[in-house]
All heavy atoms as atom14 arrays in JSON, in Angstrom:
{
  "sequence": "KRVRAYDGGMALVVPQERIAKVFRITGLTKVFPIFDTADPAVECLGR",
  "atom14_mask": [
    [1, 1, 1, 1, 1, 1, 1, 1, 1, 0, 0, 0, 0, 0],
    [1, 1, 1, 1, 1, 1, 1, 1, 1, 1, 1, 0, 0, 0],
    [1, 1, 1, 1, 1, 1, 1, 0, 0, 0, 0, 0, 0, 0],
    [1, 1, 1, 1, 1, 1, 1, 1, 1, 1, 1, 0, 0, 0],
    [1, 1, 1, 1, 1, 0, 0, 0, 0, 0, 0, 0, 0, 0],
    [1, 1, 1, 1, 1, 1, 1, 1, 1, 1, 1, 1, 0, 0],
    [1, 1, 1, 1, 1, 1, 1, 1, 0, 0, 0, 0, 0, 0],
    [1, 1, 1, 1, 0, 0, 0, 0, 0, 0, 0, 0, 0, 0],
    [1, 1, 1, 1, 0, 0, 0, 0, 0, 0, 0, 0, 0, 0],
    [1, 1, 1, 1, 1, 1, 1, 1, 0, 0, 0, 0, 0, 0],
    [1, 1, 1, 1, 1, 0, 0, 0, 0, 0, 0, 0, 0, 0],
    [1, 1, 1, 1, 1, 1, 1, 1, 0, 0, 0, 0, 0, 0],
    [1, 1, 1, 1, 1, 1, 1, 0, 0, 0, 0, 0, 0, 0],
    [1, 1, 1, 1, 1, 1, 1, 0, 0, 0, 0, 0, 0, 0],
    [1, 1, 1, 1, 1, 1, 1, 0, 0, 0, 0, 0, 0, 0],
    [1, 1, 1, 1, 1, 1, 1, 1, 1, 0, 0, 0, 0, 0],
    [1, 1, 1, 1, 1, 1, 1, 1, 1, 0, 0, 0, 0, 0],
    [1, 1, 1, 1, 1, 1, 1, 1, 1, 1, 1, 0, 0, 0],
    [1, 1, 1, 1, 1, 1, 1, 1, 0, 0, 0, 0, 0, 0],
    [1, 1, 1, 1, 1, 0, 0, 0, 0, 0, 0, 0, 0, 0],
    [1, 1, 1, 1, 1, 1, 1, 1, 1, 0, 0, 0, 0, 0],
    [1, 1, 1, 1, 1, 1, 1, 0, 0, 0, 0, 0, 0, 0],
    [1, 1, 1, 1, 1, 1, 1, 1, 1, 1, 1, 0, 0, 0],
    [1, 1, 1, 1, 1, 1, 1, 1, 1, 1, 1, 0, 0, 0],
    [1, 1, 1, 1, 1, 1, 1, 1, 0, 0, 0, 0, 0, 0],
    [1, 1, 1, 1, 1, 1, 1, 0, 0, 0, 0, 0, 0, 0],
    [1, 1, 1, 1, 0, 0, 0, 0, 0, 0, 0, 0, 0, 0],
    [1, 1, 1, 1, 1, 1, 1, 1, 0, 0, 0, 0, 0, 0],
    [1, 1, 1, 1, 1, 1, 1, 0, 0, 0, 0, 0, 0, 0],
    [1, 1, 1, 1, 1, 1, 1, 1, 1, 0, 0, 0, 0, 0],
    [1, 1, 1, 1, 1, 1, 1, 0, 0, 0, 0, 0, 0, 0],
    [1, 1, 1, 1, 1, 1, 1, 1, 1, 1, 1, 0, 0, 0],
    [1, 1, 1, 1, 1, 1, 1, 0, 0, 0, 0, 0, 0, 0],
    [1, 1, 1, 1, 1, 1, 1, 1, 0, 0, 0, 0, 0, 0],
    [1, 1, 1, 1, 1, 1, 1, 1, 1, 1, 1, 0, 0, 0],
    [1, 1, 1, 1, 1, 1, 1, 1, 0, 0, 0, 0, 0, 0],
    [1, 1, 1, 1, 1, 1, 1, 0, 0, 0, 0, 0, 0, 0],
    [1, 1, 1, 1, 1, 0, 0, 0, 0, 0, 0, 0, 0, 0],
    [1, 1, 1, 1, 1, 1, 1, 1, 0, 0, 0, 0, 0, 0],
    [1, 1, 1, 1, 1, 1, 1, 0, 0, 0, 0, 0, 0, 0],
    [1, 1, 1, 1, 1, 0, 0, 0, 0, 0, 0, 0, 0, 0],
    [1, 1, 1, 1, 1, 1, 1, 0, 0, 0, 0, 0, 0, 0],
    [1, 1, 1, 1, 1, 1, 1, 1, 1, 0, 0, 0, 0, 0],
    [1, 1, 1, 1, 1, 1, 0, 0, 0, 0, 0, 0, 0, 0],
    [1, 1, 1, 1, 1, 1, 1, 1, 0, 0, 0, 0, 0, 0],
    [1, 1, 1, 1, 0, 0, 0, 0, 0, 0, 0, 0, 0, 0],
    [1, 1, 1, 1, 1, 1, 1, 1, 1, 1, 1, 0, 0, 0]
  ],
  "atom14_positions": [
    [[44.77, -75.32, 66.61], [44.96, -75.29, 65.18], [44.66, -73.85, 64.61], [45.37, -73.39, 63.76], [44.05, -76.29, 64.5], [44.42, -77.73, 64.7], [43.51, -78.64, 64.04], [43.86, -80.12, 64.25], [42.92, -81.08, 63.7], [0.0, 0.0, 0.0], [0.0, 0.0, 0.0], [0.0, 0.0, 0.0], [0.0, 0.0, 0.0], [0.0, 0.0, 0.0]],
    [[43.6, -73.23, 65.19], [43.26, -71.93, 64.69], [44.36, -70.89, 64.99], [44.7, -70.14, 64.1], [41.91, -71.46, 65.37], [41.49, -70.15, 64.9], [39.96, -69.94, 65.23], [39.2, -70.62, 64.21], [38.48, -71.68, 64.48], [38.46, -72.25, 65.63], [37.76, -72.27, 63.57], [0.0, 0.0, 0.0], [0.0, 0.0, 0.0], [0.0, 0.0, 0.0]],
    [[44.86, -70.83, 66.23], [45.88, -69.84, 66.52], [47.19, -70.14, 65.84], [47.89, -69.21, 65.44], [46.08, -69.67, 68.09], [44.77, -69.18, 68.69], [46.59, -70.91, 68.78], [0.0, 0.0, 0.0], [0.0, 0.0, 0.0], [0.0, 0.0, 0.0], [0.0, 0.0, 0.0], [0.0, 0.0, 0.0], [0.0, 0.0, 0.0], [0.0, 0.0, 0.0]],
    [[47.5, -71.42, 65.62], [48.73, -71.75, 64.92], [48.65, -71.28, 63.47], [49.72, -71.0, 62.88], [49.02, -73.25, 64.99], [49.61, -73.64, 66.28], [50.18, -74.94, 66.28], [50.92, -75.29, 67.45], [51.31, -76.47, 67.83], [51.01, -77.53, 67.06], [52.01, -76.73, 68.9], [0.0, 0.0, 0.0], [0.0, 0.0, 0.0], [0.0, 0.0, 0.0]],
    [[47.46, -71.22, 62.86], [47.29, -70.81, 61.53], [47.72, -69.32, 61.39], [48.1, -68.83, 60.33], [45.87, -70.96, 61.06], [0.0, 0.0, 0.0], [0.0, 0.0, 0.0], [0.0, 0.0, 0.0], [0.0, 0.0, 0.0], [0.0, 0.0, 0.0], [0.0, 0.0, 0.0], [0.0, 0.0, 0.0], [0.0, 0.0, 0.0], [0.0, 0.0, 0.0]],
    [[47.73, -68.56, 62.54], [48.08, -67.18, 62.62], [49.49, -67.06, 63.26], [49.82, -65.97, 63.78], [47.06, -66.36, 63.37], [45.72, -66.28, 62.69], [44.66, -67.08, 63.17], [45.47, -65.35, 61.68], [43.43, -67.02, 62.57], [44.23, -65.33, 61.06], [43.21, -66.17, 61.52], [41.96, -66.06, 60.98], [0.0, 0.0, 0.0], [0.0, 0.0, 0.0]],
    [[50.28, -68.11, 63.27], [51.55, -68.09, 63.96], [51.46, -67.82, 65.4], [52.39, -67.26, 66.0], [52.54, -67.12, 63.3], [52.91, -67.48, 61.9], [53.04, -68.7, 61.68], [53.09, -66.66, 61.09], [0.0, 0.0, 0.0], [0.0, 0.0, 0.0], [0.0, 0.0, 0.0], [0.0, 0.0, 0.0], [0.0, 0.0, 0.0], [0.0, 0.0, 0.0]],
    [[50.37, -68.27, 66.03], [50.14, -68.03, 67.5], [50.47, -69.34, 68.22], [51.12, -70.26, 67.7], [0.0, 0.0, 0.0], [0.0, 0.0, 0.0], [0.0, 0.0, 0.0], [0.0, 0.0, 0.0], [0.0, 0.0, 0.0], [0.0, 0.0, 0.0], [0.0, 0.0, 0.0], [0.0, 0.0, 0.0], [0.0, 0.0, 0.0], [0.0, 0.0, 0.0]],
    [[50.11, -69.43, 69.5], [50.31, -70.52, 70.31], [49.25, -70.62, 71.42], [48.53, -69.65, 71.71], [0.0, 0.0, 0.0], [0.0, 0.0, 0.0], [0.0, 0.0, 0.0], [0.0, 0.0, 0.0], [0.0, 0.0, 0.0], [0.0, 0.0, 0.0], [0.0, 0.0, 0.0], [0.0, 0.0, 0.0], [0.0, 0.0, 0.0], [0.0, 0.0, 0.0]],
    [[49.15, -71.75, 72.05], [48.24, -71.98, 73.16], [48.87, -72.75, 74.25], [49.58, -73.77, 73.93], [46.93, -72.62, 72.66], [45.86, -72.8, 73.74], [44.42, -73.71, 73.17], [43.67, -72.52, 72.04], [0.0, 0.0, 0.0], [0.0, 0.0, 0.0], [0.0, 0.0, 0.0], [0.0, 0.0, 0.0], [0.0, 0.0, 0.0], [0.0, 0.0, 0.0]],
    [[48.75, -72.35, 75.5], [49.18, -73.12, 76.62], [47.98, -73.41, 77.48], [46.98, -72.62, 77.51], [50.24, -72.34, 77.41], [0.0, 0.0, 0.0], [0.0, 0.0, 0.0], [0.0, 0.0, 0.0], [0.0, 0.0, 0.0], [0.0, 0.0, 0.0], [0.0, 0.0, 0.0], [0.0, 0.0, 0.0], [0.0, 0.0, 0.0], [0.0, 0.0, 0.0]],
    [[48.04, -74.49, 78.22], [46.86, -74.9, 79.07], [47.33, -74.84, 80.52], [48.45, -75.15, 80.87], [46.46, -76.34, 78.75], [46.1, -76.62, 77.28], [45.62, -78.06, 77.15], [44.98, -75.65, 76.84], [0.0, 0.0, 0.0], [0.0, 0.0, 0.0], [0.0, 0.0, 0.0], [0.0, 0.0, 0.0], [0.0, 0.0, 0.0], [0.0, 0.0, 0.0]],
    [[46.39, -74.51, 81.39], [46.56, -74.59, 82.84], [45.57, -75.63, 83.32], [44.32, -75.48, 83.24], [46.25, -73.22, 83.55], [46.42, -73.39, 85.05], [47.14, -72.14, 82.95], [0.0, 0.0, 0.0], [0.0, 0.0, 0.0], [0.0, 0.0, 0.0], [0.0, 0.0, 0.0], [0.0, 0.0, 0.0], [0.0, 0.0, 0.0], [0.0, 0.0, 0.0]],
    [[46.19, -76.79, 83.71], [45.32, -78.0, 84.05], [45.97, -78.56, 85.35], [46.76, -79.54, 85.26], [45.37, -79.02, 82.96], [44.34, -80.14, 83.29], [44.97, -78.38, 81.59], [0.0, 0.0, 0.0], [0.0, 0.0, 0.0], [0.0, 0.0, 0.0], [0.0, 0.0, 0.0], [0.0, 0.0, 0.0], [0.0, 0.0, 0.0], [0.0, 0.0, 0.0]],
    [[45.54, -78.06, 86.54], [46.09, -78.65, 87.71], [45.43, -79.94, 88.21], [46.03, -80.64, 88.97], [45.88, -77.52, 88.76], [44.73, -76.78, 88.23], [44.81, -76.85, 86.72], [0.0, 0.0, 0.0], [0.0, 0.0, 0.0], [0.0, 0.0, 0.0], [0.0, 0.0, 0.0], [0.0, 0.0, 0.0], [0.0, 0.0, 0.0], [0.0, 0.0, 0.0]],
    [[44.21, -80.24, 87.74], [43.56, -81.45, 88.16], [44.08, -82.67, 87.49], [44.11, -82.74, 86.22], [42.04, -81.43, 87.91], [41.36, -80.16, 88.35], [41.29, -79.15, 87.19], [42.26, -79.01, 86.46], [40.19, -78.45, 87.08], [0.0, 0.0, 0.0], [0.0, 0.0, 0.0], [0.0, 0.0, 0.0], [0.0, 0.0, 0.0], [0.0, 0.0, 0.0]],
    [[44.45, -83.65, 88.16], [45.07, -84.89, 87.63], [44.14, -85.55, 86.68], [44.54, -86.01, 85.61], [45.51, -85.8, 88.8], [46.06, -87.12, 88.35], [47.16, -87.05, 87.32], [47.98, -86.05, 87.34], [47.34, -87.95, 86.49], [0.0, 0.0, 0.0], [0.0, 0.0, 0.0], [0.0, 0.0, 0.0], [0.0, 0.0, 0.0], [0.0, 0.0, 0.0]],
    [[42.9, -85.69, 87.01], [41.95, -86.44, 86.15], [41.78, -85.81, 84.81], [41.53, -86.53, 83.82], [40.61, -86.68, 86.88], [39.77, -85.43, 87.01], [38.5, -85.71, 87.79], [37.65, -84.55, 87.9], [37.91, -83.46, 88.65], [38.99, -83.49, 89.38], [37.06, -82.49, 88.65], [0.0, 0.0, 0.0], [0.0, 0.0, 0.0], [0.0, 0.0, 0.0]],
    [[41.88, -84.51, 84.67], [41.79, -83.86, 83.37], [43.12, -83.84, 82.69], [43.23, -84.14, 81.48], [41.19, -82.42, 83.5], [39.71, -82.58, 84.01], [41.25, -81.7, 82.22], [39.0, -81.31, 84.26], [0.0, 0.0, 0.0], [0.0, 0.0, 0.0], [0.0, 0.0, 0.0], [0.0, 0.0, 0.0], [0.0, 0.0, 0.0], [0.0, 0.0, 0.0]],
    [[44.23, -83.62, 83.45], [45.51, -83.65, 82.8], [45.86, -85.05, 82.25], [46.49, -85.15, 81.19], [46.63, -83.32, 83.84], [0.0, 0.0, 0.0], [0.0, 0.0, 0.0], [0.0, 0.0, 0.0], [0.0, 0.0, 0.0], [0.0, 0.0, 0.0], [0.0, 0.0, 0.0], [0.0, 0.0, 0.0], [0.0, 0.0, 0.0], [0.0, 0.0, 0.0]],
    [[45.3, -86.09, 82.9], [45.47, -87.48, 82.41], [44.97, -87.66, 81.01], [45.53, -88.36, 80.21], [44.82, -88.4, 83.37], [45.02, -89.86, 83.11], [44.29, -90.7, 84.18], [44.58, -92.2, 83.9], [43.79, -92.95, 84.96], [0.0, 0.0, 0.0], [0.0, 0.0, 0.0], [0.0, 0.0, 0.0], [0.0, 0.0, 0.0], [0.0, 0.0, 0.0]],
    [[43.89, -87.03, 80.66], [43.32, -87.07, 79.34], [44.29, -86.6, 78.31], [44.44, -87.14, 77.2], [41.9, -86.3, 79.24], [41.37, -86.31, 77.78], [40.89, -86.93, 80.19], [0.0, 0.0, 0.0], [0.0, 0.0, 0.0], [0.0, 0.0, 0.0], [0.0, 0.0, 0.0], [0.0, 0.0, 0.0], [0.0, 0.0, 0.0], [0.0, 0.0, 0.0]],
    [[44.93, -85.51, 78.64], [45.92, -84.92, 77.63], [47.1, -85.84, 77.51], [47.69, -85.97, 76.42], [46.29, -83.55, 78.05], [45.22, -82.49, 77.85], [44.31, -82.16, 78.83], [45.04, -81.89, 76.64], [43.33, -81.25, 78.64], [44.08, -81.0, 76.37], [43.18, -80.67, 77.4], [0.0, 0.0, 0.0], [0.0, 0.0, 0.0], [0.0, 0.0, 0.0]],
    [[47.57, -86.49, 78.67], [48.67, -87.41, 78.59], [48.33, -88.63, 77.74], [49.12, -89.07, 76.92], [49.09, -87.86, 79.98], [50.02, -86.9, 80.65], [50.74, -87.46, 81.84], [49.89, -88.14, 82.74], [49.18, -87.53, 83.75], [49.28, -86.24, 83.88], [48.41, -88.21, 84.54], [0.0, 0.0, 0.0], [0.0, 0.0, 0.0], [0.0, 0.0, 0.0]],
    [[47.16, -89.27, 78.03], [46.74, -90.5, 77.3], [46.7, -90.29, 75.83], [47.08, -91.17, 75.08], [45.36, -90.96, 77.87], [45.54, -91.49, 79.27], [44.73, -92.01, 76.96], [44.2, -91.75, 79.95], [0.0, 0.0, 0.0], [0.0, 0.0, 0.0], [0.0, 0.0, 0.0], [0.0, 0.0, 0.0], [0.0, 0.0, 0.0], [0.0, 0.0, 0.0]],
    [[46.23, -89.1, 75.45], [46.08, -88.79, 74.01], [47.36, -88.3, 73.35], [47.41, -88.1, 72.13], [44.98, -87.74, 73.75], [45.37, -86.61, 74.51], [43.63, -88.28, 74.15], [0.0, 0.0, 0.0], [0.0, 0.0, 0.0], [0.0, 0.0, 0.0], [0.0, 0.0, 0.0], [0.0, 0.0, 0.0], [0.0, 0.0, 0.0], [0.0, 0.0, 0.0]],
    [[48.44, -88.09, 74.15], [49.74, -87.65, 73.62], [49.73, -86.15, 73.32], [50.76, -85.65, 72.82], [0.0, 0.0, 0.0], [0.0, 0.0, 0.0], [0.0, 0.0, 0.0], [0.0, 0.0, 0.0], [0.0, 0.0, 0.0], [0.0, 0.0, 0.0], [0.0, 0.0, 0.0], [0.0, 0.0, 0.0], [0.0, 0.0, 0.0], [0.0, 0.0, 0.0]],
    [[48.71, -85.42, 73.76], [48.68, -84.03, 73.53], [49.59, -83.2, 74.43], [49.75, -82.01, 74.23], [47.28, -83.48, 73.61], [46.46, -83.92, 72.32], [44.99, -83.53, 72.48], [47.08, -83.29, 71.03], [0.0, 0.0, 0.0], [0.0, 0.0, 0.0], [0.0, 0.0, 0.0], [0.0, 0.0, 0.0], [0.0, 0.0, 0.0], [0.0, 0.0, 0.0]],
    [[50.23, -83.83, 75.43], [51.18, -83.11, 76.27], [52.41, -82.78, 75.39], [53.17, -81.92, 75.78], [51.61, -83.95, 77.48], [51.99, -85.25, 77.01], [50.46, -84.08, 78.47], [0.0, 0.0, 0.0], [0.0, 0.0, 0.0], [0.0, 0.0, 0.0], [0.0, 0.0, 0.0], [0.0, 0.0, 0.0], [0.0, 0.0, 0.0], [0.0, 0.0, 0.0]],
    [[52.5, -83.42, 74.24], [53.72, -83.12, 73.38], [53.3, -81.92, 72.47], [54.15, -81.25, 71.86], [53.93, -84.33, 72.48], [54.45, -85.57, 73.21], [54.68, -86.71, 72.24], [55.18, -87.95, 72.91], [54.1, -88.62, 73.71], [0.0, 0.0, 0.0], [0.0, 0.0, 0.0], [0.0, 0.0, 0.0], [0.0, 0.0, 0.0], [0.0, 0.0, 0.0]],
    [[51.98, -81.62, 72.36], [51.51, -80.54, 71.53], [51.22, -79.28, 72.32], [51.59, -78.14, 71.8], [50.2, -80.99, 70.86], [49.63, -79.89, 69.94], [50.49, -82.25, 70.04], [0.0, 0.0, 0.0], [0.0, 0.0, 0.0], [0.0, 0.0, 0.0], [0.0, 0.0, 0.0], [0.0, 0.0, 0.0], [0.0, 0.0, 0.0], [0.0, 0.0, 0.0]],
    [[50.72, -79.41, 73.52], [50.37, -78.28, 74.37], [51.37, -78.15, 75.52], [51.6, -79.17, 76.21], [48.97, -78.42, 75.04], [47.83, -78.29, 74.14], [47.21, -79.46, 73.64], [47.32, -77.07, 73.8], [46.07, -79.27, 72.82], [46.19, -76.94, 72.98], [45.57, -78.03, 72.55], [0.0, 0.0, 0.0], [0.0, 0.0, 0.0], [0.0, 0.0, 0.0]],
    [[51.95, -76.96, 75.76], [52.61, -76.83, 77.05], [51.54, -76.76, 78.12], [50.53, -76.01, 78.02], [53.32, -75.46, 76.89], [52.81, -74.84, 75.66], [52.03, -75.83, 74.88], [0.0, 0.0, 0.0], [0.0, 0.0, 0.0], [0.0, 0.0, 0.0], [0.0, 0.0, 0.0], [0.0, 0.0, 0.0], [0.0, 0.0, 0.0], [0.0, 0.0, 0.0]],
    [[51.64, -77.54, 79.17], [50.64, -77.63, 80.23], [51.29, -77.28, 81.51], [52.32, -77.75, 81.9], [49.99, -79.08, 80.27], [49.35, -79.35, 78.92], [49.0, -79.14, 81.41], [48.68, -80.76, 78.82], [0.0, 0.0, 0.0], [0.0, 0.0, 0.0], [0.0, 0.0, 0.0], [0.0, 0.0, 0.0], [0.0, 0.0, 0.0], [0.0, 0.0, 0.0]],
    [[50.59, -76.4, 82.29], [51.11, -75.87, 83.55], [50.03, -76.04, 84.63], [48.88, -76.24, 84.38], [51.41, -74.37, 83.38], [52.44, -74.09, 82.29], [52.08, -73.83, 81.01], [53.78, -74.05, 82.58], [53.06, -73.62, 79.99], [54.76, -73.77, 81.67], [54.39, -73.62, 80.32], [0.0, 0.0, 0.0], [0.0, 0.0, 0.0], [0.0, 0.0, 0.0]],
    [[50.5, -75.99, 85.9], [49.66, -76.12, 87.05], [49.05, -74.74, 87.45], [47.95, -74.7, 88.08], [50.39, -76.63, 88.27], [50.7, -78.1, 88.12], [49.94, -78.85, 87.41], [51.68, -78.56, 88.77], [0.0, 0.0, 0.0], [0.0, 0.0, 0.0], [0.0, 0.0, 0.0], [0.0, 0.0, 0.0], [0.0, 0.0, 0.0], [0.0, 0.0, 0.0]],
    [[49.67, -73.6, 87.06], [49.21, -72.37, 87.34], [49.33, -71.42, 86.14], [50.1, -71.75, 85.19], [49.97, -71.63, 88.49], [51.35, -71.56, 88.22], [49.79, -72.47, 89.79], [0.0, 0.0, 0.0], [0.0, 0.0, 0.0], [0.0, 0.0, 0.0], [0.0, 0.0, 0.0], [0.0, 0.0, 0.0], [0.0, 0.0, 0.0], [0.0, 0.0, 0.0]],
    [[48.62, -70.29, 86.14], [48.61, -69.43, 84.94], [49.91, -68.67, 84.71], [50.25, -68.44, 83.55], [47.39, -68.48, 85.06], [0.0, 0.0, 0.0], [0.0, 0.0, 0.0], [0.0, 0.0, 0.0], [0.0, 0.0, 0.0], [0.0, 0.0, 0.0], [0.0, 0.0, 0.0], [0.0, 0.0, 0.0], [0.0, 0.0, 0.0], [0.0, 0.0, 0.0]],
    [[50.54, -68.21, 85.77], [51.8, -67.31, 85.56], [52.79, -67.93, 84.68], [53.28, -67.28, 83.74], [52.36, -66.88, 86.86], [51.45, -65.86, 87.63], [50.55, -65.29, 86.95], [51.69, -65.68, 88.8], [0.0, 0.0, 0.0], [0.0, 0.0, 0.0], [0.0, 0.0, 0.0], [0.0, 0.0, 0.0], [0.0, 0.0, 0.0], [0.0, 0.0, 0.0]],
    [[53.28, -69.19, 84.89], [54.28, -69.75, 83.97], [53.79, -69.94, 82.61], [54.5, -69.84, 81.6], [54.75, -71.05, 84.62], [53.76, -71.34, 85.68], [53.0, -70.09, 86.02], [0.0, 0.0, 0.0], [0.0, 0.0, 0.0], [0.0, 0.0, 0.0], [0.0, 0.0, 0.0], [0.0, 0.0, 0.0], [0.0, 0.0, 0.0], [0.0, 0.0, 0.0]],
    [[52.46, -70.19, 82.41], [51.9, -70.35, 81.13], [51.95, -69.01, 80.31], [52.28, -68.93, 79.17], [50.49, -70.87, 81.2], [0.0, 0.0, 0.0], [0.0, 0.0, 0.0], [0.0, 0.0, 0.0], [0.0, 0.0, 0.0], [0.0, 0.0, 0.0], [0.0, 0.0, 0.0], [0.0, 0.0, 0.0], [0.0, 0.0, 0.0], [0.0, 0.0, 0.0]],
    [[51.65, -67.91, 81.05], [51.68, -66.57, 80.43], [53.12, -66.26, 80.04], [53.36, -65.76, 78.95], [51.08, -65.55, 81.42], [51.37, -64.11, 80.92], [49.58, -65.79, 81.62], [0.0, 0.0, 0.0], [0.0, 0.0, 0.0], [0.0, 0.0, 0.0], [0.0, 0.0, 0.0], [0.0, 0.0, 0.0], [0.0, 0.0, 0.0], [0.0, 0.0, 0.0]],
    [[54.04, -66.55, 80.98], [55.45, -66.25, 80.66], [55.91, -67.07, 79.46], [56.63, -66.48, 78.58], [56.33, -66.64, 81.86], [56.23, -65.72, 83.0], [56.95, -66.18, 84.28], [57.95, -66.94, 84.12], [56.59, -65.86, 85.4], [0.0, 0.0, 0.0], [0.0, 0.0, 0.0], [0.0, 0.0, 0.0], [0.0, 0.0, 0.0], [0.0, 0.0, 0.0]],
    [[55.56, -68.32, 79.34], [55.92, -69.19, 78.18], [55.4, -68.58, 76.89], [56.2, -68.46, 75.94], [55.41, -70.6, 78.41], [55.55, -71.71, 77.06], [0.0, 0.0, 0.0], [0.0, 0.0, 0.0], [0.0, 0.0, 0.0], [0.0, 0.0, 0.0], [0.0, 0.0, 0.0], [0.0, 0.0, 0.0], [0.0, 0.0, 0.0], [0.0, 0.0, 0.0]],
    [[54.19, -68.22, 76.91], [53.55, -67.66, 75.61], [54.14, -66.25, 75.34], [54.29, -65.83, 74.2], [52.11, -67.62, 75.7], [51.41, -68.95, 75.43], [49.89, -68.79, 75.4], [51.89, -69.67, 74.18], [0.0, 0.0, 0.0], [0.0, 0.0, 0.0], [0.0, 0.0, 0.0], [0.0, 0.0, 0.0], [0.0, 0.0, 0.0], [0.0, 0.0, 0.0]],
    [[54.45, -65.53, 76.43], [55.03, -64.21, 76.25], [56.39, -64.3, 75.49], [56.69, -63.5, 74.58], [0.0, 0.0, 0.0], [0.0, 0.0, 0.0], [0.0, 0.0, 0.0], [0.0, 0.0, 0.0], [0.0, 0.0, 0.0], [0.0, 0.0, 0.0], [0.0, 0.0, 0.0], [0.0, 0.0, 0.0], [0.0, 0.0, 0.0], [0.0, 0.0, 0.0]],
    [[57.16, -65.26, 75.9], [58.43, -65.47, 75.22], [58.19, -65.89, 73.73], [58.9, -65.43, 72.86], [59.26, -66.57, 75.92], [59.89, -66.09, 77.22], [60.89, -67.06, 77.82], [60.31, -68.37, 78.05], [59.79, -68.8, 79.17], [59.58, -67.95, 80.19], [59.28, -69.99, 79.27], [0.0, 0.0, 0.0], [0.0, 0.0, 0.0], [0.0, 0.0, 0.0]]
  ]
}
């Protein structure tokens, strides 16, 4: 919410299934781009 207030964005790197599951259950996978490694997350936000 804070970075979006400044027209920013946030991506998450969450390779562990048990933690990724929390984001799926809450529906936040629709809000956060979630990746298994940092490089594609950096590329996504760079674009």
